[in-house]
Amino acid sequence: MAMAFKMATTGLWVTDECKTSFMEMKWKKVHRFIVFKIDEASRLVTVDKVGGPGEGYDELAASLPTDDCRYAVFDYDFVTADNCKKSKIFFIAWSPSASRIREKMLYATSKEGLRRALEGIHYDMQATDPTEMGMDVIKDRAK
């Protein structure tokens, strides 16, 4: 099994699929978002869901479970005041209050390792409920 990157602090591995999907989103624009999850049994960070180019923020928010932690990257396209098209990639650490404490700790300690494996992220966000990662927050951060 080919592994892309080992996160030393937690002993988890980031799969090649994670990095490949991220690069496809970043360079080829074939994905709008990617949701990652940790498989505790195999000690792997894997791709949980991929949003196609026609999907948006609402589909990303709907794909995050209410009682389980996840990581997500979201490619936000916008037009500046100067009429310039821009794109910013957001890394979202989703840790809802209804999730298990052990899981929250695992995701919190593994976050930096995954973030380092995915080169080209512009902004970091931590969210425990949908209002903390709302579209208004994303728009405000992307200015």
N, C-alpha and C. Protein backbone atom coordinates (compact mmCIF):
# COMPACT_ATOMS: atom_id res chain seq x y z
N MET A 1 0.85 -1.18 0.00
CA MET A 1 0.00 0.00 0.00
C MET A 1 0.90 1.24 0.00
N ALA A 2 0.71 2.12 -0.95
CA ALA A 2 1.52 3.32 -1.05
C ALA A 2 1.01 4.39 -0.08
N MET A 3 1.91 4.93 0.70
CA MET A 3 1.55 5.97 1.65
C MET A 3 2.25 7.26 1.26
N ALA A 4 1.58 8.37 1.44
CA ALA A 4 2.13 9.64 1.01
C ALA A 4 2.93 10.33 2.11
N PHE A 5 2.44 10.30 3.32
CA PHE A 5 3.03 11.14 4.35
C PHE A 5 2.63 10.61 5.71
N LYS A 6 3.61 10.43 6.59
CA LYS A 6 3.29 9.97 7.95
C LYS A 6 3.28 11.17 8.88
N MET A 7 2.23 11.25 9.70
CA MET A 7 2.13 12.32 10.68
C MET A 7 2.77 11.80 11.97
N ALA A 8 3.97 12.29 12.28
CA ALA A 8 4.77 11.77 13.38
C ALA A 8 4.09 11.90 14.74
N THR A 9 3.37 12.96 14.97
CA THR A 9 2.81 13.18 16.31
C THR A 9 1.74 12.16 16.68
N THR A 10 1.00 11.67 15.72
CA THR A 10 -0.09 10.74 16.03
C THR A 10 0.12 9.36 15.43
N GLY A 11 1.12 9.18 14.59
CA GLY A 11 1.36 7.89 13.96
C GLY A 11 0.37 7.56 12.87
N LEU A 12 -0.36 8.54 12.38
CA LEU A 12 -1.31 8.32 11.30
C LEU A 12 -0.64 8.55 9.95
N TRP A 13 -1.20 7.92 8.94
CA TRP A 13 -0.71 8.08 7.57
C TRP A 13 -1.75 8.80 6.74
N VAL A 14 -1.29 9.69 5.88
CA VAL A 14 -2.15 10.37 4.91
C VAL A 14 -2.03 9.59 3.61
N THR A 15 -3.13 9.10 3.07
CA THR A 15 -3.07 8.28 1.85
C THR A 15 -2.74 9.14 0.62
N ASP A 16 -2.24 8.47 -0.40
CA ASP A 16 -1.95 9.15 -1.66
C ASP A 16 -3.22 9.74 -2.26
N GLU A 17 -4.35 9.07 -2.05
CA GLU A 17 -5.63 9.56 -2.57
C GLU A 17 -5.94 10.96 -2.03
N CYS A 18 -5.58 11.23 -0.78
CA CYS A 18 -5.81 12.55 -0.19
C CYS A 18 -5.03 13.62 -0.94
N LYS A 19 -3.75 13.36 -1.14
CA LYS A 19 -2.91 14.35 -1.84
C LYS A 19 -3.31 14.49 -3.30
N THR A 20 -3.61 13.38 -3.96
CA THR A 20 -4.00 13.42 -5.37
C THR A 20 -5.30 14.20 -5.56
N SER A 21 -6.29 13.92 -4.72
CA SER A 21 -7.57 14.63 -4.81
C SER A 21 -7.37 16.13 -4.56
N PHE A 22 -6.52 16.46 -3.59
CA PHE A 22 -6.26 17.87 -3.30
C PHE A 22 -5.60 18.56 -4.49
N MET A 23 -4.63 17.91 -5.10
CA MET A 23 -3.95 18.51 -6.27
C MET A 23 -4.91 18.66 -7.44
N GLU A 24 -5.81 17.71 -7.62
CA GLU A 24 -6.82 17.83 -8.68
C GLU A 24 -7.74 19.01 -8.41
N MET A 25 -8.08 19.23 -7.15
CA MET A 25 -8.92 20.38 -6.79
C MET A 25 -8.17 21.68 -7.01
N LYS A 26 -6.93 21.70 -6.58
CA LYS A 26 -6.13 22.93 -6.64
C LYS A 26 -5.76 23.34 -8.07
N TRP A 27 -5.31 22.40 -8.86
CA TRP A 27 -4.79 22.74 -10.19
C TRP A 27 -5.79 22.51 -11.33
N LYS A 28 -6.54 21.42 -11.26
CA LYS A 28 -7.44 21.09 -12.37
C LYS A 28 -8.87 21.56 -12.15
N LYS A 29 -9.19 21.97 -10.91
CA LYS A 29 -10.53 22.46 -10.56
C LYS A 29 -11.63 21.43 -10.83
N VAL A 30 -11.31 20.14 -10.64
CA VAL A 30 -12.32 19.10 -10.85
C VAL A 30 -13.15 18.83 -9.60
N HIS A 31 -12.72 19.37 -8.45
CA HIS A 31 -13.46 19.24 -7.20
C HIS A 31 -13.68 20.63 -6.61
N ARG A 32 -14.79 20.82 -5.95
CA ARG A 32 -15.05 22.08 -5.24
C ARG A 32 -14.64 21.95 -3.78
N PHE A 33 -14.82 20.73 -3.23
CA PHE A 33 -14.41 20.48 -1.86
C PHE A 33 -14.06 19.01 -1.68
N ILE A 34 -13.31 18.73 -0.60
CA ILE A 34 -12.96 17.36 -0.24
C ILE A 34 -13.14 17.24 1.27
N VAL A 35 -13.78 16.16 1.70
CA VAL A 35 -13.94 15.88 3.13
C VAL A 35 -13.06 14.67 3.45
N PHE A 36 -12.25 14.80 4.50
CA PHE A 36 -11.35 13.73 4.94
C PHE A 36 -11.81 13.19 6.28
N LYS A 37 -11.51 11.91 6.50
CA LYS A 37 -11.82 11.32 7.81
C LYS A 37 -10.64 10.44 8.24
N ILE A 38 -10.58 10.20 9.54
CA ILE A 38 -9.54 9.33 10.09
C ILE A 38 -10.17 7.96 10.35
N ASP A 39 -9.55 6.93 9.78
CA ASP A 39 -9.97 5.56 10.05
C ASP A 39 -9.07 5.06 11.18
N GLU A 40 -9.62 5.00 12.38
CA GLU A 40 -8.82 4.64 13.55
C GLU A 40 -8.28 3.22 13.47
N ALA A 41 -9.00 2.31 12.86
CA ALA A 41 -8.56 0.92 12.78
C ALA A 41 -7.30 0.77 11.93
N SER A 42 -7.27 1.43 10.79
CA SER A 42 -6.12 1.31 9.90
C SER A 42 -5.09 2.42 10.09
N ARG A 43 -5.41 3.42 10.94
CA ARG A 43 -4.52 4.55 11.22
C ARG A 43 -4.24 5.37 9.95
N LEU A 44 -5.27 5.52 9.11
CA LEU A 44 -5.13 6.26 7.85
C LEU A 44 -6.07 7.46 7.81
N VAL A 45 -5.60 8.54 7.20
CA VAL A 45 -6.48 9.66 6.86
C VAL A 45 -6.89 9.40 5.42
N THR A 46 -8.21 9.30 5.18
CA THR A 46 -8.72 8.95 3.86
C THR A 46 -9.72 9.99 3.37
N VAL A 47 -10.03 9.92 2.08
CA VAL A 47 -11.05 10.80 1.50
C VAL A 47 -12.41 10.21 1.82
N ASP A 48 -13.27 11.03 2.41
CA ASP A 48 -14.62 10.60 2.78
C ASP A 48 -15.62 10.98 1.69
N LYS A 49 -15.50 12.20 1.16
CA LYS A 49 -16.43 12.68 0.12
C LYS A 49 -15.72 13.73 -0.72
N VAL A 50 -16.05 13.73 -1.99
CA VAL A 50 -15.50 14.72 -2.93
C VAL A 50 -16.67 15.43 -3.59
N GLY A 51 -16.64 16.76 -3.59
CA GLY A 51 -17.69 17.55 -4.22
C GLY A 51 -17.27 17.94 -5.62
N GLY A 52 -18.12 17.68 -6.59
CA GLY A 52 -17.82 18.01 -7.98
C GLY A 52 -17.75 19.50 -8.23
N PRO A 53 -17.33 19.90 -9.43
CA PRO A 53 -17.17 21.33 -9.73
C PRO A 53 -18.47 22.12 -9.67
N GLY A 54 -19.61 21.46 -9.84
CA GLY A 54 -20.89 22.15 -9.78
C GLY A 54 -21.46 22.28 -8.38
N GLU A 55 -20.84 21.59 -7.43
CA GLU A 55 -21.31 21.66 -6.05
C GLU A 55 -20.69 22.86 -5.35
N GLY A 56 -21.29 23.26 -4.23
CA GLY A 56 -20.81 24.45 -3.55
C GLY A 56 -20.76 24.28 -2.05
N TYR A 57 -20.79 25.42 -1.38
CA TYR A 57 -20.68 25.44 0.08
C TYR A 57 -21.81 24.67 0.75
N ASP A 58 -23.04 24.81 0.26
CA ASP A 58 -24.18 24.13 0.89
C ASP A 58 -24.00 22.61 0.89
N GLU A 59 -23.48 22.06 -0.19
CA GLU A 59 -23.24 20.62 -0.27
C GLU A 59 -22.12 20.21 0.70
N LEU A 60 -21.11 21.06 0.83
CA LEU A 60 -20.04 20.77 1.80
C LEU A 60 -20.62 20.74 3.21
N ALA A 61 -21.36 21.76 3.59
CA ALA A 61 -21.95 21.82 4.94
C ALA A 61 -22.85 20.62 5.20
N ALA A 62 -23.61 20.20 4.19
CA ALA A 62 -24.51 19.06 4.35
C ALA A 62 -23.75 17.74 4.48
N SER A 63 -22.54 17.67 3.96
CA SER A 63 -21.78 16.42 4.00
C SER A 63 -21.01 16.22 5.31
N LEU A 64 -21.00 17.22 6.18
CA LEU A 64 -20.31 17.10 7.46
C LEU A 64 -21.27 16.52 8.50
N PRO A 65 -20.90 15.43 9.16
CA PRO A 65 -21.80 14.81 10.14
C PRO A 65 -21.99 15.68 11.38
N THR A 66 -23.12 15.53 12.04
CA THR A 66 -23.41 16.35 13.23
C THR A 66 -22.80 15.76 14.50
N ASP A 67 -22.33 14.50 14.44
CA ASP A 67 -21.80 13.87 15.64
C ASP A 67 -20.44 13.20 15.42
N ASP A 68 -19.72 13.63 14.39
CA ASP A 68 -18.45 13.01 14.04
C ASP A 68 -17.50 14.08 13.51
N CYS A 69 -16.24 14.00 13.87
CA CYS A 69 -15.25 14.98 13.40
C CYS A 69 -14.82 14.67 11.97
N ARG A 70 -14.40 15.70 11.26
CA ARG A 70 -13.88 15.57 9.90
C ARG A 70 -12.93 16.73 9.63
N TYR A 71 -12.15 16.59 8.56
CA TYR A 71 -11.39 17.70 7.98
C TYR A 71 -12.01 17.96 6.62
N ALA A 72 -11.94 19.20 6.17
CA ALA A 72 -12.44 19.51 4.83
C ALA A 72 -11.57 20.60 4.22
N VAL A 73 -11.46 20.59 2.91
CA VAL A 73 -10.86 21.70 2.17
C VAL A 73 -11.91 22.18 1.19
N PHE A 74 -12.01 23.49 1.07
CA PHE A 74 -13.03 24.11 0.24
C PHE A 74 -12.36 25.14 -0.66
N ASP A 75 -12.59 25.03 -1.96
CA ASP A 75 -12.03 25.96 -2.94
C ASP A 75 -13.07 27.05 -3.20
N TYR A 76 -12.80 28.23 -2.69
CA TYR A 76 -13.74 29.34 -2.79
C TYR A 76 -13.31 30.29 -3.90
N ASP A 77 -14.12 30.39 -4.94
CA ASP A 77 -13.88 31.32 -6.05
C ASP A 77 -14.69 32.58 -5.83
N PHE A 78 -14.07 33.73 -6.12
CA PHE A 78 -14.75 35.01 -5.95
C PHE A 78 -14.14 36.04 -6.88
N VAL A 79 -14.82 37.16 -7.00
CA VAL A 79 -14.35 38.27 -7.83
C VAL A 79 -14.06 39.45 -6.91
N THR A 80 -12.87 40.04 -7.04
CA THR A 80 -12.47 41.16 -6.18
C THR A 80 -13.15 42.45 -6.64
N ALA A 81 -12.96 43.50 -5.87
CA ALA A 81 -13.51 44.81 -6.21
C ALA A 81 -12.92 45.33 -7.53
N ASP A 82 -11.72 44.87 -7.86
CA ASP A 82 -11.06 45.26 -9.11
C ASP A 82 -11.49 44.39 -10.28
N ASN A 83 -12.53 43.57 -10.09
CA ASN A 83 -13.05 42.68 -11.12
C ASN A 83 -12.03 41.61 -11.52
N CYS A 84 -11.29 41.13 -10.53
CA CYS A 84 -10.28 40.10 -10.74
C CYS A 84 -10.80 38.77 -10.17
N LYS A 85 -10.72 37.69 -10.94
CA LYS A 85 -11.15 36.38 -10.45
C LYS A 85 -10.05 35.81 -9.55
N LYS A 86 -10.44 35.38 -8.36
CA LYS A 86 -9.50 34.80 -7.40
C LYS A 86 -10.07 33.50 -6.85
N SER A 87 -9.19 32.71 -6.28
CA SER A 87 -9.56 31.46 -5.66
C SER A 87 -8.73 31.28 -4.40
N LYS A 88 -9.37 30.95 -3.30
CA LYS A 88 -8.68 30.71 -2.04
C LYS A 88 -9.13 29.35 -1.50
N ILE A 89 -8.18 28.61 -0.95
CA ILE A 89 -8.48 27.29 -0.41
C ILE A 89 -8.52 27.37 1.11
N PHE A 90 -9.63 26.92 1.68
CA PHE A 90 -9.85 26.92 3.12
C PHE A 90 -9.70 25.50 3.67
N PHE A 91 -8.98 25.38 4.77
CA PHE A 91 -8.88 24.11 5.50
C PHE A 91 -9.79 24.24 6.72
N ILE A 92 -10.74 23.33 6.84
CA ILE A 92 -11.72 23.39 7.93
C ILE A 92 -11.56 22.15 8.81
N ALA A 93 -11.32 22.39 10.10
CA ALA A 93 -11.30 21.30 11.08
C ALA A 93 -12.67 21.28 11.74
N TRP A 94 -13.47 20.28 11.40
CA TRP A 94 -14.85 20.17 11.87
C TRP A 94 -14.88 19.26 13.10
N SER A 95 -15.28 19.82 14.23
CA SER A 95 -15.31 19.08 15.48
C SER A 95 -16.58 19.44 16.25
N PRO A 96 -17.72 18.86 15.86
CA PRO A 96 -18.99 19.23 16.51
C PRO A 96 -19.01 18.83 17.99
N SER A 97 -19.75 19.58 18.76
CA SER A 97 -19.80 19.33 20.22
C SER A 97 -20.39 17.96 20.55
N ALA A 98 -21.17 17.38 19.65
CA ALA A 98 -21.78 16.07 19.90
C ALA A 98 -20.82 14.90 19.66
N SER A 99 -19.61 15.16 19.13
CA SER A 99 -18.67 14.07 18.87
C SER A 99 -17.97 13.63 20.15
N ARG A 100 -17.39 12.43 20.11
CA ARG A 100 -16.70 11.87 21.28
C ARG A 100 -15.43 12.66 21.61
N ILE A 101 -15.10 12.75 22.87
CA ILE A 101 -13.91 13.49 23.31
C ILE A 101 -12.64 12.88 22.74
N ARG A 102 -12.55 11.56 22.74
CA ARG A 102 -11.37 10.88 22.18
C ARG A 102 -11.18 11.26 20.71
N GLU A 103 -12.27 11.30 19.99
CA GLU A 103 -12.21 11.65 18.57
C GLU A 103 -11.77 13.10 18.38
N LYS A 104 -12.31 14.00 19.19
CA LYS A 104 -11.91 15.41 19.12
C LYS A 104 -10.41 15.56 19.35
N MET A 105 -9.89 14.83 20.33
CA MET A 105 -8.45 14.91 20.63
C MET A 105 -7.62 14.36 19.47
N LEU A 106 -8.05 13.25 18.90
CA LEU A 106 -7.33 12.65 17.77
C LEU A 106 -7.29 13.61 16.58
N TYR A 107 -8.42 14.20 16.25
CA TYR A 107 -8.47 15.14 15.12
C TYR A 107 -7.67 16.40 15.41
N ALA A 108 -7.70 16.88 16.64
CA ALA A 108 -6.95 18.10 16.99
C ALA A 108 -5.44 17.87 16.89
N THR A 109 -4.97 16.71 17.34
CA THR A 109 -3.53 16.45 17.31
C THR A 109 -3.04 16.07 15.91
N SER A 110 -3.92 15.63 15.04
CA SER A 110 -3.53 15.21 13.69
C SER A 110 -3.66 16.32 12.65
N LYS A 111 -4.29 17.41 13.00
CA LYS A 111 -4.62 18.48 12.06
C LYS A 111 -3.39 19.04 11.33
N GLU A 112 -2.34 19.39 12.06
CA GLU A 112 -1.17 20.01 11.43
C GLU A 112 -0.48 19.09 10.45
N GLY A 113 -0.43 17.80 10.75
CA GLY A 113 0.20 16.85 9.84
C GLY A 113 -0.50 16.78 8.50
N LEU A 114 -1.82 16.72 8.52
CA LEU A 114 -2.58 16.70 7.27
C LEU A 114 -2.43 18.02 6.54
N ARG A 115 -2.50 19.11 7.28
CA ARG A 115 -2.39 20.43 6.67
C ARG A 115 -1.03 20.60 5.96
N ARG A 116 0.02 20.08 6.56
CA ARG A 116 1.36 20.15 5.94
C ARG A 116 1.43 19.29 4.68
N ALA A 117 0.72 18.17 4.67
CA ALA A 117 0.73 17.28 3.51
C ALA A 117 -0.01 17.89 2.32
N LEU A 118 -0.95 18.80 2.60
CA LEU A 118 -1.73 19.46 1.54
C LEU A 118 -1.17 20.86 1.34
N GLU A 119 -0.24 21.00 0.43
CA GLU A 119 0.43 22.28 0.20
C GLU A 119 -0.45 23.22 -0.64
N GLY A 120 -0.57 24.46 -0.18
CA GLY A 120 -1.32 25.46 -0.94
C GLY A 120 -2.59 25.92 -0.27
N ILE A 121 -2.74 25.64 1.02
CA ILE A 121 -3.92 26.09 1.76
C ILE A 121 -3.71 27.54 2.18
N HIS A 122 -4.72 28.37 1.98
CA HIS A 122 -4.62 29.79 2.31
C HIS A 122 -5.10 30.13 3.71
N TYR A 123 -6.20 29.52 4.14
CA TYR A 123 -6.80 29.88 5.43
C TYR A 123 -7.19 28.64 6.22
N ASP A 124 -7.04 28.73 7.53
CA ASP A 124 -7.44 27.69 8.47
C ASP A 124 -8.70 28.10 9.21
N MET A 125 -9.59 27.17 9.42
CA MET A 125 -10.80 27.43 10.21
C MET A 125 -11.05 26.26 11.14
N GLN A 126 -11.50 26.56 12.34
CA GLN A 126 -11.92 25.55 13.31
C GLN A 126 -13.40 25.77 13.53
N ALA A 127 -14.21 24.74 13.40
CA ALA A 127 -15.66 24.91 13.54
C ALA A 127 -16.26 23.79 14.40
N THR A 128 -17.15 24.19 15.31
CA THR A 128 -17.87 23.22 16.13
C THR A 128 -19.36 23.20 15.76
N ASP A 129 -19.80 24.21 15.02
CA ASP A 129 -21.16 24.23 14.48
C ASP A 129 -21.15 25.00 13.16
N PRO A 130 -22.18 24.84 12.34
CA PRO A 130 -22.17 25.44 10.99
C PRO A 130 -22.00 26.96 10.96
N THR A 131 -22.42 27.66 11.99
CA THR A 131 -22.30 29.13 11.98
C THR A 131 -20.84 29.59 12.03
N GLU A 132 -19.96 28.77 12.60
CA GLU A 132 -18.55 29.13 12.70
C GLU A 132 -17.80 28.99 11.38
N MET A 133 -18.42 28.34 10.40
CA MET A 133 -17.79 28.18 9.09
C MET A 133 -18.75 28.59 7.98
N GLY A 134 -19.67 29.49 8.31
CA GLY A 134 -20.68 29.93 7.35
C GLY A 134 -20.07 30.66 6.17
N MET A 135 -20.84 30.78 5.11
CA MET A 135 -20.37 31.45 3.90
C MET A 135 -19.98 32.89 4.18
N ASP A 136 -20.66 33.55 5.12
CA ASP A 136 -20.31 34.92 5.47
C ASP A 136 -18.92 34.98 6.11
N VAL A 137 -18.55 33.99 6.91
CA VAL A 137 -17.23 33.92 7.52
C VAL A 137 -16.17 33.71 6.45
N ILE A 138 -16.45 32.81 5.51
CA ILE A 138 -15.51 32.53 4.42
C ILE A 138 -15.30 33.77 3.56
N LYS A 139 -16.38 34.43 3.19
CA LYS A 139 -16.27 35.66 2.38
C LYS A 139 -15.47 36.72 3.09
N ASP A 140 -15.69 36.88 4.38
CA ASP A 140 -14.97 37.88 5.17
C ASP A 140 -13.48 37.57 5.23
N ARG A 141 -13.11 36.31 5.40
CA ARG A 141 -11.71 35.92 5.50
C ARG A 141 -10.99 36.04 4.16
N ALA A 142 -11.71 35.85 3.06
CA ALA A 142 -11.10 35.84 1.72
C ALA A 142 -10.82 37.22 1.15
N LYS A 143 -11.25 38.26 1.81
CA LYS A 143 -11.06 39.63 1.27
C LYS A 143 -9.63 39.94 0.97
